[in-house]
Protein backbone atom coordinates (compact mmCIF):
# COMPACT_ATOMS: atom_id res chain seq x y z
CA UNK A 1 -9.79 -25.12 21.10
CA UNK A 2 -9.05 -24.49 17.42
CA UNK A 3 -9.10 -28.18 16.52
CA UNK A 4 -12.44 -28.66 18.29
CA UNK A 5 -13.91 -25.69 16.42
CA UNK A 6 -12.79 -27.15 13.10
CA UNK A 7 -14.32 -30.55 13.85
CA UNK A 8 -17.60 -29.42 15.38
CA UNK A 9 -18.43 -26.09 13.75
CA UNK A 10 -16.30 -25.89 10.55
CA UNK A 11 -14.63 -22.79 12.04
CA UNK A 12 -10.97 -21.96 11.37
CA UNK A 13 -8.71 -19.65 13.39
CA UNK A 14 -6.24 -17.21 11.81
CA UNK A 15 -3.83 -14.60 13.14
CA UNK A 16 -4.32 -11.46 11.06
CA UNK A 17 -3.04 -7.91 10.97
CA UNK A 18 -4.56 -5.74 13.67
CA UNK A 19 -5.74 -3.15 11.14
CA UNK A 20 -7.67 -5.69 9.02
CA UNK A 21 -11.46 -5.53 9.24
CA UNK A 22 -14.04 -8.29 8.77
CA UNK A 23 -14.81 -7.70 5.07
CA UNK A 24 -11.08 -7.69 4.24
CA UNK A 25 -10.49 -10.91 6.17
CA UNK A 26 -13.51 -12.54 4.53
CA UNK A 27 -12.35 -11.55 1.02
CA UNK A 28 -8.79 -12.75 1.68
CA UNK A 29 -9.90 -16.18 2.96
CA UNK A 30 -12.31 -16.66 0.07
CA UNK A 31 -9.63 -15.70 -2.48
CA UNK A 32 -6.70 -17.65 -1.02
CA UNK A 33 -8.47 -20.90 -0.14
CA UNK A 34 -11.33 -20.75 -2.72
CA UNK A 35 -14.09 -21.31 -0.14
CA UNK A 36 -17.30 -19.50 0.88
CA UNK A 37 -17.28 -17.80 4.29
CA UNK A 38 -20.49 -17.90 6.31
CA UNK A 39 -19.40 -15.77 9.26
CA UNK A 40 -16.29 -13.94 10.48
CA UNK A 41 -15.65 -13.03 14.13
CA UNK A 42 -12.61 -11.11 15.34
CA UNK A 43 -11.00 -10.37 18.68
CA UNK A 44 -7.90 -8.63 19.97
CA UNK A 45 -6.42 -10.55 22.92
CA UNK A 46 -4.99 -8.74 25.91
CA UNK A 47 -1.34 -7.66 25.56
CA UNK A 48 1.28 -9.62 27.45
CA UNK A 49 3.62 -7.25 29.28
CA UNK A 50 7.24 -7.95 30.17
CA UNK A 51 7.81 -7.17 33.86
CA UNK A 52 11.24 -6.61 35.36
CA UNK A 53 11.89 -5.37 38.85
CA UNK A 54 8.19 -4.77 39.33
CA UNK A 55 7.86 -2.44 36.32
CA UNK A 56 6.30 -2.99 32.94
CA UNK A 57 9.04 -2.38 30.41
CA UNK A 58 7.55 -3.63 27.17
CA UNK A 59 4.84 -5.68 25.58
CA UNK A 60 4.68 -8.39 23.00
CA UNK A 61 3.37 -7.58 19.55
CA UNK A 62 -0.37 -7.18 19.54
CA UNK A 63 -2.30 -9.06 16.88
CA UNK A 64 -5.89 -9.87 15.97
CA UNK A 65 -7.50 -13.29 15.89
CA UNK A 66 -10.10 -14.13 13.27
CA UNK A 67 -12.55 -17.01 13.66
CA UNK A 68 -13.88 -17.82 10.18
CA UNK A 69 -16.88 -20.13 9.80
CA UNK A 70 -17.25 -21.73 6.38
CA UNK A 71 -20.47 -22.63 4.63
CA UNK A 72 -21.59 -26.25 4.53
CA UNK A 73 -19.65 -28.38 2.07
CA UNK A 74 -16.47 -26.27 2.19
CA UNK A 75 -13.29 -27.04 4.10
CA UNK A 76 -9.64 -26.03 4.14
CA UNK A 77 -7.00 -28.75 3.82
CA UNK A 78 -4.46 -27.66 6.44
CA UNK A 79 -2.09 -30.61 5.90
CA UNK A 80 -2.16 -31.61 2.21
CA UNK A 81 -0.59 -34.89 1.10
CA UNK A 82 1.33 -33.15 -1.68
CA UNK A 83 2.25 -29.59 -0.60
CA UNK A 84 3.92 -28.85 -3.95
CA UNK A 85 0.60 -29.29 -5.79
CA UNK A 86 -0.89 -26.18 -4.16
């Protein structure tokens, strides 16, 4: 799904801290990757519980997903040819 979003809608997916809000995510992406963000959507997926003997005994760490849509003409090079140059 993430690759299709990148190709069709110029939208990138990031795992972010659960306490981060949309303006913080937007500012971080614009600063780190030097791009302009058009839109930022977030969601918190349902927790996955560990079940033993019919009882829930724990859950995996809960995170937040951020879908960041970039403005036209901007892109993020996920696999650079020379990683040392970054």
